[in-house]
Each structure stands twice: as C-alpha cells, then as structure tokens.
Amino acid sequence: MPEATRTEILDTAIEVLAEKGPLGLTLDAVVERVSFSKGALLHHFPNKTALLEGVIDSLGESFMAQIEAYTVQDPQAYGRSARAYLRTVIDEPVTQRDVSIGRAALAACAIDPALAQRWKAWMKKARYDDPRDAAGADDALMMRLLADGLWMSDLFGTYEISPEQRRALASLLMAGTALPELMEQKA
C-alpha cells in the first residue's frame, strides 16, 4: 500500500507540474487532488524539493523503461541503446500532455541545478550499451543530441514537422547508429 500511495502522489504531482509548471507545484496542490491526508504526503515527500526529486526520478524511470523495452527488441547489438533512445524520443506520438510535462520538467531542472544533475544521471544510464569504439560512441552521442533537438522543437513548437518528415528524420537518425561497415555499403 505505501508504494501505491507514493505512485499516486507522483502521478498527481506530474499532472500538477504539467498544468501549473514548477512554481505551481506545491504540496497543497497535490493534496487537493489525492484521496489521503497531507501527513501521508509528507511521510513520502517531506518538502517540495523531495517531491520534485521524486518526479524527476519517476520520469527517468519511465524513460528508461521505454528505452529498455526498445533495446530488447533490437537484434543488432552495435548502437542498440542509441537506437532505443531515438525511438523513445522520436517514435512516440507527441501529445499535449507530453509537451506540458516536458516543459515543466525542463523548467524545474533549469530552476534547480540539483534536479538537472539528477536528470543527467538518468541520461548517463541511457548510454549503458553504447559502442565502445570512439567513432561509434561519437555517432551515438550525435544522434542523441539531434533527437534532443527534435524534442525541444516538440516542446516549443519551433518547427512544424509533419508525420512524414518525422519518419524521414527518424530513418536518417537510425542510419547514423549502424555499424560503420553497413554505412559504407550504403554510400
């Protein structure tokens, strides 16, 4: 039961964060939406900082679960984690809720450097299976940085990207994670 309470608190906090941003996320705003007392909330998260840390960890865990799900489906070991990262960032349909959560999490990390470090630790975990050769590691990093740029565009509506363009971009990025010998054969 305590884990279910913690999960409900975090899910509610993510919703409040998406709707009101990091400055609108308060313990009282969460308590207003859950079925238990402020004491139960304080048992799990004694202050707003702890709650934001929990939110970042919850988002990181969800992100890693998606990456791991894609990783186990990929039969080609070389570049697998980079492709899984790309699929997680690019393939998922971007909903308004995703955008709101992304904006709020980004703002929270910008406001609190400790939260940014926490997210950085999750992103380090996402690179666990990257190629060990220098060229492959650089390619994987480059593909992630390009995917992150697309994610930022999604958050701020910087570019109008059609579903066809998104698929074409995804294909180009995926090709950048292939074995060098395969890339040379395509050239």
N, C-alpha and C. Protein backbone atom coordinates (compact mmCIF):
# COMPACT_ATOMS: atom_id res chain seq x y z
N MET A 1 0.81 -1.21 0.00
CA MET A 1 0.00 0.00 0.00
C MET A 1 0.85 1.27 0.00
N PRO A 2 1.95 1.33 0.79
CA PRO A 2 2.77 2.54 0.76
C PRO A 2 3.29 2.86 -0.65
N GLU A 3 3.64 1.82 -1.43
CA GLU A 3 4.13 2.07 -2.79
C GLU A 3 3.03 2.62 -3.67
N ALA A 4 1.81 2.15 -3.49
CA ALA A 4 0.67 2.66 -4.26
C ALA A 4 0.42 4.13 -3.92
N THR A 5 0.54 4.48 -2.64
CA THR A 5 0.37 5.87 -2.21
C THR A 5 1.44 6.74 -2.84
N ARG A 6 2.68 6.27 -2.79
CA ARG A 6 3.79 7.02 -3.38
C ARG A 6 3.58 7.22 -4.88
N THR A 7 3.14 6.18 -5.56
CA THR A 7 2.89 6.26 -7.00
C THR A 7 1.77 7.26 -7.29
N GLU A 8 0.70 7.22 -6.51
CA GLU A 8 -0.40 8.18 -6.71
C GLU A 8 0.07 9.62 -6.49
N ILE A 9 0.89 9.81 -5.48
CA ILE A 9 1.43 11.15 -5.21
C ILE A 9 2.24 11.62 -6.41
N LEU A 10 3.14 10.78 -6.91
CA LEU A 10 4.00 11.17 -8.02
C LEU A 10 3.19 11.41 -9.29
N ASP A 11 2.23 10.54 -9.59
CA ASP A 11 1.39 10.74 -10.77
C ASP A 11 0.62 12.05 -10.68
N THR A 12 0.11 12.34 -9.50
CA THR A 12 -0.63 13.59 -9.28
C THR A 12 0.31 14.79 -9.39
N ALA A 13 1.49 14.68 -8.81
CA ALA A 13 2.47 15.77 -8.89
C ALA A 13 2.86 16.04 -10.34
N ILE A 14 3.01 14.99 -11.14
CA ILE A 14 3.34 15.18 -12.56
C ILE A 14 2.21 15.91 -13.27
N GLU A 15 0.97 15.56 -12.95
CA GLU A 15 -0.17 16.25 -13.55
C GLU A 15 -0.19 17.74 -13.15
N VAL A 16 0.01 18.01 -11.86
CA VAL A 16 0.05 19.41 -11.40
C VAL A 16 1.19 20.15 -12.07
N LEU A 17 2.34 19.51 -12.14
CA LEU A 17 3.51 20.11 -12.79
C LEU A 17 3.21 20.44 -14.25
N ALA A 18 2.55 19.52 -14.95
CA ALA A 18 2.21 19.74 -16.36
C ALA A 18 1.22 20.89 -16.51
N GLU A 19 0.28 21.00 -15.59
CA GLU A 19 -0.74 22.04 -15.69
C GLU A 19 -0.27 23.41 -15.21
N LYS A 20 0.52 23.42 -14.11
CA LYS A 20 0.84 24.69 -13.45
C LYS A 20 2.31 25.07 -13.49
N GLY A 21 3.16 24.15 -13.99
CA GLY A 21 4.59 24.43 -14.02
C GLY A 21 5.23 24.21 -12.67
N PRO A 22 6.57 24.31 -12.62
CA PRO A 22 7.27 24.01 -11.37
C PRO A 22 6.95 24.96 -10.23
N LEU A 23 6.63 26.21 -10.55
CA LEU A 23 6.31 27.15 -9.47
C LEU A 23 4.91 26.89 -8.91
N GLY A 24 4.02 26.30 -9.73
CA GLY A 24 2.68 25.98 -9.27
C GLY A 24 2.56 24.64 -8.57
N LEU A 25 3.64 23.87 -8.61
CA LEU A 25 3.63 22.58 -7.92
C LEU A 25 3.92 22.83 -6.44
N THR A 26 2.90 22.62 -5.64
CA THR A 26 3.05 22.75 -4.19
C THR A 26 2.51 21.47 -3.55
N LEU A 27 2.90 21.26 -2.31
CA LEU A 27 2.37 20.10 -1.60
C LEU A 27 0.86 20.21 -1.46
N ASP A 28 0.36 21.42 -1.19
CA ASP A 28 -1.08 21.61 -1.06
C ASP A 28 -1.82 21.34 -2.36
N ALA A 29 -1.22 21.73 -3.49
CA ALA A 29 -1.86 21.48 -4.79
C ALA A 29 -1.99 19.98 -5.05
N VAL A 30 -1.02 19.20 -4.58
CA VAL A 30 -1.09 17.75 -4.74
C VAL A 30 -2.13 17.17 -3.79
N VAL A 31 -2.11 17.60 -2.53
CA VAL A 31 -3.04 17.08 -1.52
C VAL A 31 -4.49 17.32 -1.94
N GLU A 32 -4.77 18.45 -2.59
CA GLU A 32 -6.14 18.75 -3.03
C GLU A 32 -6.68 17.71 -4.00
N ARG A 33 -5.79 16.98 -4.68
CA ARG A 33 -6.21 16.05 -5.73
C ARG A 33 -6.11 14.58 -5.35
N VAL A 34 -5.58 14.28 -4.20
CA VAL A 34 -5.43 12.88 -3.80
C VAL A 34 -6.43 12.54 -2.71
N SER A 35 -6.55 11.25 -2.45
CA SER A 35 -7.58 10.78 -1.51
C SER A 35 -7.06 10.56 -0.09
N PHE A 36 -5.93 11.13 0.24
CA PHE A 36 -5.37 10.95 1.57
C PHE A 36 -4.86 12.26 2.11
N SER A 37 -4.39 12.23 3.34
CA SER A 37 -4.03 13.45 4.06
C SER A 37 -2.66 14.00 3.67
N LYS A 38 -2.45 15.23 4.08
CA LYS A 38 -1.13 15.85 3.88
C LYS A 38 -0.06 15.09 4.65
N GLY A 39 -0.43 14.49 5.77
CA GLY A 39 0.51 13.69 6.55
C GLY A 39 1.07 12.52 5.75
N ALA A 40 0.19 11.88 4.96
CA ALA A 40 0.65 10.77 4.12
C ALA A 40 1.62 11.28 3.06
N LEU A 41 1.31 12.43 2.50
CA LEU A 41 2.21 13.04 1.51
C LEU A 41 3.56 13.35 2.14
N LEU A 42 3.52 13.96 3.31
CA LEU A 42 4.76 14.34 4.00
C LEU A 42 5.58 13.13 4.45
N HIS A 43 4.90 12.01 4.66
CA HIS A 43 5.62 10.78 5.01
C HIS A 43 6.54 10.36 3.86
N HIS A 44 6.04 10.51 2.64
CA HIS A 44 6.82 10.11 1.46
C HIS A 44 7.72 11.23 0.95
N PHE A 45 7.23 12.46 1.03
CA PHE A 45 7.97 13.61 0.49
C PHE A 45 7.86 14.76 1.50
N PRO A 46 8.88 14.94 2.33
CA PRO A 46 8.79 15.91 3.42
C PRO A 46 8.77 17.37 2.99
N ASN A 47 9.12 17.63 1.72
CA ASN A 47 9.11 19.01 1.24
C ASN A 47 9.02 19.02 -0.30
N LYS A 48 8.90 20.20 -0.86
CA LYS A 48 8.74 20.33 -2.31
C LYS A 48 9.98 19.83 -3.05
N THR A 49 11.14 20.06 -2.51
CA THR A 49 12.37 19.58 -3.15
C THR A 49 12.35 18.07 -3.28
N ALA A 50 11.99 17.40 -2.20
CA ALA A 50 11.92 15.94 -2.24
C ALA A 50 10.87 15.47 -3.25
N LEU A 51 9.76 16.20 -3.34
CA LEU A 51 8.72 15.84 -4.30
C LEU A 51 9.23 16.02 -5.73
N LEU A 52 9.90 17.13 -6.01
CA LEU A 52 10.46 17.34 -7.35
C LEU A 52 11.51 16.29 -7.68
N GLU A 53 12.33 15.92 -6.72
CA GLU A 53 13.30 14.84 -6.94
C GLU A 53 12.57 13.54 -7.29
N GLY A 54 11.49 13.26 -6.59
CA GLY A 54 10.70 12.08 -6.88
C GLY A 54 10.09 12.12 -8.27
N VAL A 55 9.64 13.31 -8.68
CA VAL A 55 9.06 13.48 -10.02
C VAL A 55 10.13 13.22 -11.09
N ILE A 56 11.30 13.80 -10.92
CA ILE A 56 12.38 13.61 -11.90
C ILE A 56 12.76 12.13 -11.96
N ASP A 57 12.84 11.48 -10.80
CA ASP A 57 13.15 10.05 -10.78
C ASP A 57 12.05 9.23 -11.45
N SER A 58 10.82 9.59 -11.20
CA SER A 58 9.70 8.87 -11.83
C SER A 58 9.74 9.03 -13.35
N LEU A 59 9.99 10.24 -13.83
CA LEU A 59 10.11 10.46 -15.27
C LEU A 59 11.32 9.72 -15.83
N GLY A 60 12.43 9.72 -15.09
CA GLY A 60 13.62 9.00 -15.53
C GLY A 60 13.38 7.50 -15.59
N GLU A 61 12.70 6.96 -14.59
CA GLU A 61 12.38 5.53 -14.59
C GLU A 61 11.50 5.16 -15.77
N SER A 62 10.51 6.00 -16.05
CA SER A 62 9.61 5.75 -17.18
C SER A 62 10.36 5.81 -18.50
N PHE A 63 11.24 6.81 -18.63
CA PHE A 63 12.04 6.98 -19.84
C PHE A 63 12.95 5.76 -20.03
N MET A 64 13.61 5.32 -18.96
CA MET A 64 14.49 4.15 -19.05
C MET A 64 13.71 2.88 -19.36
N ALA A 65 12.51 2.75 -18.83
CA ALA A 65 11.70 1.56 -19.13
C ALA A 65 11.37 1.50 -20.62
N GLN A 66 11.07 2.67 -21.22
CA GLN A 66 10.81 2.70 -22.66
C GLN A 66 12.07 2.34 -23.44
N ILE A 67 13.20 2.89 -23.03
CA ILE A 67 14.47 2.59 -23.71
C ILE A 67 14.77 1.10 -23.61
N GLU A 68 14.63 0.54 -22.42
CA GLU A 68 14.92 -0.88 -22.24
C GLU A 68 13.97 -1.76 -23.05
N ALA A 69 12.71 -1.36 -23.18
CA ALA A 69 11.77 -2.13 -23.98
C ALA A 69 12.19 -2.15 -25.45
N TYR A 70 12.62 -1.01 -25.95
CA TYR A 70 13.10 -0.95 -27.34
C TYR A 70 14.42 -1.72 -27.49
N THR A 71 15.28 -1.65 -26.48
CA THR A 71 16.58 -2.32 -26.55
C THR A 71 16.43 -3.82 -26.73
N VAL A 72 15.53 -4.44 -25.96
CA VAL A 72 15.39 -5.89 -26.05
C VAL A 72 14.79 -6.34 -27.38
N GLN A 73 14.15 -5.44 -28.10
CA GLN A 73 13.55 -5.77 -29.40
C GLN A 73 14.55 -5.66 -30.54
N ASP A 74 15.70 -5.07 -30.30
CA ASP A 74 16.67 -4.77 -31.36
C ASP A 74 17.70 -5.90 -31.46
N PRO A 75 17.73 -6.63 -32.57
CA PRO A 75 18.66 -7.76 -32.69
C PRO A 75 20.11 -7.33 -32.96
N GLN A 76 20.32 -6.11 -33.44
CA GLN A 76 21.67 -5.64 -33.77
C GLN A 76 22.27 -4.97 -32.55
N ALA A 77 23.32 -5.57 -31.97
CA ALA A 77 23.90 -5.05 -30.73
C ALA A 77 24.56 -3.68 -30.91
N TYR A 78 25.27 -3.49 -32.01
CA TYR A 78 26.02 -2.25 -32.20
C TYR A 78 25.04 -1.07 -32.34
N GLY A 79 25.11 -0.11 -31.45
CA GLY A 79 24.28 1.09 -31.49
C GLY A 79 22.88 0.89 -30.94
N ARG A 80 22.63 -0.26 -30.34
CA ARG A 80 21.29 -0.61 -29.86
C ARG A 80 20.72 0.41 -28.88
N SER A 81 21.49 0.82 -27.90
CA SER A 81 20.93 1.75 -26.90
C SER A 81 20.68 3.13 -27.50
N ALA A 82 21.51 3.54 -28.44
CA ALA A 82 21.27 4.83 -29.10
C ALA A 82 19.98 4.76 -29.92
N ARG A 83 19.77 3.64 -30.63
CA ARG A 83 18.53 3.49 -31.40
C ARG A 83 17.32 3.45 -30.47
N ALA A 84 17.46 2.78 -29.33
CA ALA A 84 16.36 2.73 -28.37
C ALA A 84 16.05 4.14 -27.85
N TYR A 85 17.08 4.91 -27.58
CA TYR A 85 16.89 6.30 -27.14
C TYR A 85 16.15 7.08 -28.22
N LEU A 86 16.61 6.94 -29.47
CA LEU A 86 15.97 7.66 -30.57
C LEU A 86 14.51 7.28 -30.70
N ARG A 87 14.22 5.99 -30.64
CA ARG A 87 12.83 5.55 -30.76
C ARG A 87 11.98 6.13 -29.62
N THR A 88 12.54 6.15 -28.43
CA THR A 88 11.81 6.68 -27.29
C THR A 88 11.49 8.16 -27.48
N VAL A 89 12.45 8.91 -27.98
CA VAL A 89 12.27 10.35 -28.16
C VAL A 89 11.46 10.67 -29.41
N ILE A 90 11.70 9.95 -30.49
CA ILE A 90 11.14 10.31 -31.80
C ILE A 90 9.87 9.57 -32.15
N ASP A 91 9.82 8.26 -31.91
CA ASP A 91 8.71 7.45 -32.40
C ASP A 91 7.41 7.67 -31.67
N GLU A 92 7.51 7.99 -30.41
CA GLU A 92 6.29 8.14 -29.63
C GLU A 92 5.47 9.31 -30.17
N PRO A 93 4.15 9.12 -30.31
CA PRO A 93 3.34 10.28 -30.70
C PRO A 93 3.41 11.33 -29.60
N VAL A 94 3.65 12.54 -29.98
CA VAL A 94 3.80 13.62 -29.02
C VAL A 94 2.41 14.21 -28.73
N THR A 95 1.98 14.05 -27.48
CA THR A 95 0.68 14.59 -27.08
C THR A 95 0.89 15.93 -26.37
N GLN A 96 -0.18 16.66 -26.20
CA GLN A 96 -0.10 17.92 -25.47
C GLN A 96 0.34 17.67 -24.03
N ARG A 97 -0.09 16.56 -23.45
CA ARG A 97 0.33 16.20 -22.09
C ARG A 97 1.84 15.98 -22.05
N ASP A 98 2.38 15.26 -23.05
CA ASP A 98 3.83 15.03 -23.11
C ASP A 98 4.57 16.37 -23.17
N VAL A 99 4.06 17.27 -23.99
CA VAL A 99 4.69 18.59 -24.14
C VAL A 99 4.65 19.33 -22.81
N SER A 100 3.50 19.33 -22.15
CA SER A 100 3.38 20.03 -20.87
C SER A 100 4.31 19.47 -19.82
N ILE A 101 4.38 18.14 -19.74
CA ILE A 101 5.27 17.51 -18.77
C ILE A 101 6.72 17.84 -19.11
N GLY A 102 7.09 17.76 -20.39
CA GLY A 102 8.45 18.06 -20.81
C GLY A 102 8.85 19.49 -20.49
N ARG A 103 7.95 20.43 -20.78
CA ARG A 103 8.24 21.84 -20.48
C ARG A 103 8.44 22.05 -18.98
N ALA A 104 7.54 21.46 -18.19
CA ALA A 104 7.61 21.65 -16.75
C ALA A 104 8.87 21.01 -16.17
N ALA A 105 9.21 19.81 -16.63
CA ALA A 105 10.43 19.15 -16.13
C ALA A 105 11.66 19.94 -16.54
N LEU A 106 11.67 20.45 -17.75
CA LEU A 106 12.79 21.27 -18.22
C LEU A 106 12.92 22.53 -17.36
N ALA A 107 11.80 23.18 -17.09
CA ALA A 107 11.82 24.38 -16.26
C ALA A 107 12.30 24.06 -14.84
N ALA A 108 11.83 22.95 -14.29
CA ALA A 108 12.25 22.56 -12.94
C ALA A 108 13.75 22.34 -12.89
N CYS A 109 14.28 21.68 -13.91
CA CYS A 109 15.74 21.42 -13.96
C CYS A 109 16.52 22.72 -14.16
N ALA A 110 15.94 23.67 -14.88
CA ALA A 110 16.60 24.96 -15.09
C ALA A 110 16.62 25.78 -13.79
N ILE A 111 15.57 25.65 -13.01
CA ILE A 111 15.47 26.39 -11.76
C ILE A 111 16.40 25.80 -10.69
N ASP A 112 16.47 24.48 -10.65
CA ASP A 112 17.23 23.80 -9.59
C ASP A 112 18.33 22.94 -10.19
N PRO A 113 19.59 23.40 -10.13
CA PRO A 113 20.69 22.63 -10.71
C PRO A 113 20.80 21.20 -10.17
N ALA A 114 20.38 20.95 -8.93
CA ALA A 114 20.44 19.60 -8.38
C ALA A 114 19.48 18.68 -9.15
N LEU A 115 18.35 19.21 -9.59
CA LEU A 115 17.42 18.41 -10.39
C LEU A 115 18.02 18.11 -11.76
N ALA A 116 18.73 19.09 -12.32
CA ALA A 116 19.40 18.87 -13.61
C ALA A 116 20.44 17.76 -13.47
N GLN A 117 21.17 17.74 -12.36
CA GLN A 117 22.15 16.68 -12.13
C GLN A 117 21.47 15.32 -12.00
N ARG A 118 20.31 15.34 -11.39
CA ARG A 118 19.55 14.09 -11.23
C ARG A 118 19.14 13.56 -12.61
N TRP A 119 18.65 14.46 -13.48
CA TRP A 119 18.26 14.04 -14.84
C TRP A 119 19.50 13.57 -15.61
N LYS A 120 20.61 14.25 -15.42
CA LYS A 120 21.86 13.86 -16.08
C LYS A 120 22.23 12.43 -15.71
N ALA A 121 22.03 12.05 -14.47
CA ALA A 121 22.34 10.68 -14.04
C ALA A 121 21.46 9.67 -14.77
N TRP A 122 20.20 10.02 -15.00
CA TRP A 122 19.33 9.13 -15.77
C TRP A 122 19.81 9.02 -17.20
N MET A 123 20.23 10.12 -17.79
CA MET A 123 20.70 10.08 -19.17
C MET A 123 22.01 9.30 -19.30
N LYS A 124 22.81 9.32 -18.25
CA LYS A 124 24.03 8.50 -18.26
C LYS A 124 23.67 7.02 -18.30
N LYS A 125 22.63 6.64 -17.56
CA LYS A 125 22.17 5.25 -17.58
C LYS A 125 21.69 4.86 -18.97
N ALA A 126 21.13 5.81 -19.71
CA ALA A 126 20.61 5.52 -21.05
C ALA A 126 21.72 5.18 -22.04
N ARG A 127 22.95 5.50 -21.69
CA ARG A 127 24.08 5.23 -22.59
C ARG A 127 24.84 3.96 -22.21
N TYR A 128 24.26 3.15 -21.36
CA TYR A 128 24.96 1.99 -20.81
C TYR A 128 25.49 1.02 -21.87
N ASP A 129 24.84 0.95 -23.02
CA ASP A 129 25.19 -0.07 -24.01
C ASP A 129 25.73 0.56 -25.29
N ASP A 130 26.23 1.79 -25.21
CA ASP A 130 26.75 2.45 -26.40
C ASP A 130 27.99 1.75 -26.93
N PRO A 131 28.26 1.90 -28.22
CA PRO A 131 29.50 1.33 -28.77
C PRO A 131 30.71 1.83 -27.99
N ARG A 132 31.69 0.96 -27.85
CA ARG A 132 32.90 1.31 -27.10
C ARG A 132 33.96 1.97 -27.97
N ASP A 133 33.85 1.77 -29.29
CA ASP A 133 34.84 2.42 -30.15
C ASP A 133 34.52 3.92 -30.23
N ALA A 134 35.57 4.73 -30.40
CA ALA A 134 35.41 6.19 -30.36
C ALA A 134 34.42 6.68 -31.41
N ALA A 135 34.52 6.19 -32.64
CA ALA A 135 33.63 6.65 -33.71
C ALA A 135 32.19 6.28 -33.39
N GLY A 136 31.96 5.08 -32.92
CA GLY A 136 30.60 4.65 -32.59
C GLY A 136 30.02 5.43 -31.42
N ALA A 137 30.85 5.69 -30.42
CA ALA A 137 30.39 6.47 -29.27
C ALA A 137 30.04 7.89 -29.69
N ASP A 138 30.86 8.47 -30.55
CA ASP A 138 30.58 9.83 -31.05
C ASP A 138 29.31 9.85 -31.90
N ASP A 139 29.13 8.83 -32.74
CA ASP A 139 27.91 8.75 -33.56
C ASP A 139 26.68 8.65 -32.67
N ALA A 140 26.74 7.80 -31.65
CA ALA A 140 25.60 7.62 -30.75
C ALA A 140 25.27 8.93 -30.03
N LEU A 141 26.30 9.63 -29.56
CA LEU A 141 26.08 10.90 -28.89
C LEU A 141 25.47 11.92 -29.86
N MET A 142 26.00 11.98 -31.06
CA MET A 142 25.48 12.92 -32.05
C MET A 142 24.00 12.64 -32.33
N MET A 143 23.63 11.38 -32.47
CA MET A 143 22.24 11.04 -32.75
C MET A 143 21.34 11.44 -31.58
N ARG A 144 21.83 11.23 -30.35
CA ARG A 144 21.04 11.64 -29.19
C ARG A 144 20.86 13.16 -29.15
N LEU A 145 21.92 13.88 -29.45
CA LEU A 145 21.82 15.34 -29.44
C LEU A 145 20.85 15.84 -30.51
N LEU A 146 20.86 15.20 -31.67
CA LEU A 146 19.90 15.57 -32.72
C LEU A 146 18.47 15.24 -32.28
N ALA A 147 18.29 14.08 -31.66
CA ALA A 147 16.96 13.72 -31.16
C ALA A 147 16.49 14.69 -30.08
N ASP A 148 17.43 15.11 -29.22
CA ASP A 148 17.07 16.09 -28.19
C ASP A 148 16.64 17.41 -28.82
N GLY A 149 17.27 17.78 -29.93
CA GLY A 149 16.85 19.00 -30.65
C GLY A 149 15.43 18.87 -31.17
N LEU A 150 15.08 17.70 -31.68
CA LEU A 150 13.72 17.46 -32.14
C LEU A 150 12.75 17.52 -30.96
N TRP A 151 13.18 16.96 -29.83
CA TRP A 151 12.35 17.01 -28.62
C TRP A 151 12.10 18.46 -28.20
N MET A 152 13.14 19.28 -28.23
CA MET A 152 12.98 20.70 -27.88
C MET A 152 12.03 21.39 -28.86
N SER A 153 12.14 21.05 -30.13
CA SER A 153 11.22 21.61 -31.12
C SER A 153 9.78 21.20 -30.80
N ASP A 154 9.60 19.96 -30.39
CA ASP A 154 8.26 19.50 -29.99
C ASP A 154 7.74 20.32 -28.81
N LEU A 155 8.61 20.56 -27.81
CA LEU A 155 8.19 21.28 -26.61
C LEU A 155 7.76 22.71 -26.90
N PHE A 156 8.48 23.35 -27.80
CA PHE A 156 8.24 24.77 -28.05
C PHE A 156 7.58 25.06 -29.39
N GLY A 157 7.27 24.02 -30.14
CA GLY A 157 6.62 24.23 -31.44
C GLY A 157 7.48 25.04 -32.39
N THR A 158 8.78 24.88 -32.29
CA THR A 158 9.72 25.66 -33.10
C THR A 158 9.51 25.42 -34.58
N TYR A 159 9.35 24.16 -34.97
CA TYR A 159 9.17 23.82 -36.38
C TYR A 159 7.89 23.01 -36.52
N GLU A 160 7.23 23.20 -37.62
CA GLU A 160 6.07 22.37 -37.92
C GLU A 160 6.58 21.16 -38.69
N ILE A 161 6.57 20.02 -38.04
CA ILE A 161 7.12 18.80 -38.62
C ILE A 161 5.96 17.84 -38.88
N SER A 162 5.78 17.50 -40.13
CA SER A 162 4.70 16.59 -40.50
C SER A 162 5.07 15.17 -40.06
N PRO A 163 4.08 14.29 -39.96
CA PRO A 163 4.39 12.89 -39.62
C PRO A 163 5.36 12.27 -40.64
N GLU A 164 5.23 12.63 -41.90
CA GLU A 164 6.13 12.10 -42.92
C GLU A 164 7.56 12.58 -42.69
N GLN A 165 7.71 13.88 -42.38
CA GLN A 165 9.04 14.41 -42.10
C GLN A 165 9.63 13.75 -40.86
N ARG A 166 8.80 13.54 -39.86
CA ARG A 166 9.27 12.91 -38.62
C ARG A 166 9.79 11.50 -38.91
N ARG A 167 9.06 10.74 -39.72
CA ARG A 167 9.52 9.40 -40.08
C ARG A 167 10.82 9.45 -40.87
N ALA A 168 10.94 10.42 -41.78
CA ALA A 168 12.17 10.55 -42.56
C ALA A 168 13.35 10.92 -41.66
N LEU A 169 13.12 11.85 -40.73
CA LEU A 169 14.18 12.22 -39.79
C LEU A 169 14.58 11.03 -38.92
N ALA A 170 13.59 10.29 -38.46
CA ALA A 170 13.87 9.11 -37.64
C ALA A 170 14.72 8.11 -38.42
N SER A 171 14.40 7.92 -39.68
CA SER A 171 15.16 6.98 -40.52
C SER A 171 16.62 7.45 -40.68
N LEU A 172 16.81 8.73 -40.90
CA LEU A 172 18.17 9.28 -41.02
C LEU A 172 18.95 9.10 -39.72
N LEU A 173 18.31 9.38 -38.61
CA LEU A 173 18.98 9.25 -37.32
C LEU A 173 19.31 7.79 -37.03
N MET A 174 18.38 6.90 -37.31
CA MET A 174 18.63 5.47 -37.08
C MET A 174 19.82 4.99 -37.92
N ALA A 175 19.92 5.47 -39.14
CA ALA A 175 21.03 5.06 -40.00
C ALA A 175 22.37 5.48 -39.39
N GLY A 176 22.38 6.56 -38.65
CA GLY A 176 23.61 7.04 -38.03
C GLY A 176 24.09 6.18 -36.88
N THR A 177 23.31 5.19 -36.48
CA THR A 177 23.72 4.31 -35.37
C THR A 177 24.16 2.94 -35.87
N ALA A 178 24.21 2.75 -37.18
CA ALA A 178 24.54 1.44 -37.75
C ALA A 178 26.04 1.17 -37.67
N LEU A 179 26.39 -0.09 -37.86
CA LEU A 179 27.81 -0.45 -37.93
C LEU A 179 28.50 0.34 -39.04
N PRO A 180 29.71 0.81 -38.81
CA PRO A 180 30.41 1.58 -39.84
C PRO A 180 30.47 0.85 -41.19
N GLU A 181 30.65 -0.47 -41.17
CA GLU A 181 30.73 -1.22 -42.44
C GLU A 181 29.40 -1.13 -43.20
N LEU A 182 28.28 -1.15 -42.47
CA LEU A 182 26.98 -1.04 -43.12
C LEU A 182 26.78 0.35 -43.71
N MET A 183 27.26 1.36 -43.02
CA MET A 183 27.13 2.74 -43.52
C MET A 183 27.94 2.89 -44.80
N GLU A 184 29.15 2.29 -44.85
CA GLU A 184 29.98 2.39 -46.04
C GLU A 184 29.34 1.67 -47.23
N GLN A 185 28.65 0.57 -46.97
CA GLN A 185 27.98 -0.17 -48.03
C GLN A 185 26.85 0.65 -48.63
N LYS A 186 26.16 1.47 -47.81
CA LYS A 186 25.05 2.28 -48.29
C LYS A 186 25.54 3.45 -49.12
N ALA A 187 26.78 3.90 -48.90
CA ALA A 187 27.31 5.09 -49.59
C ALA A 187 27.63 4.81 -51.03
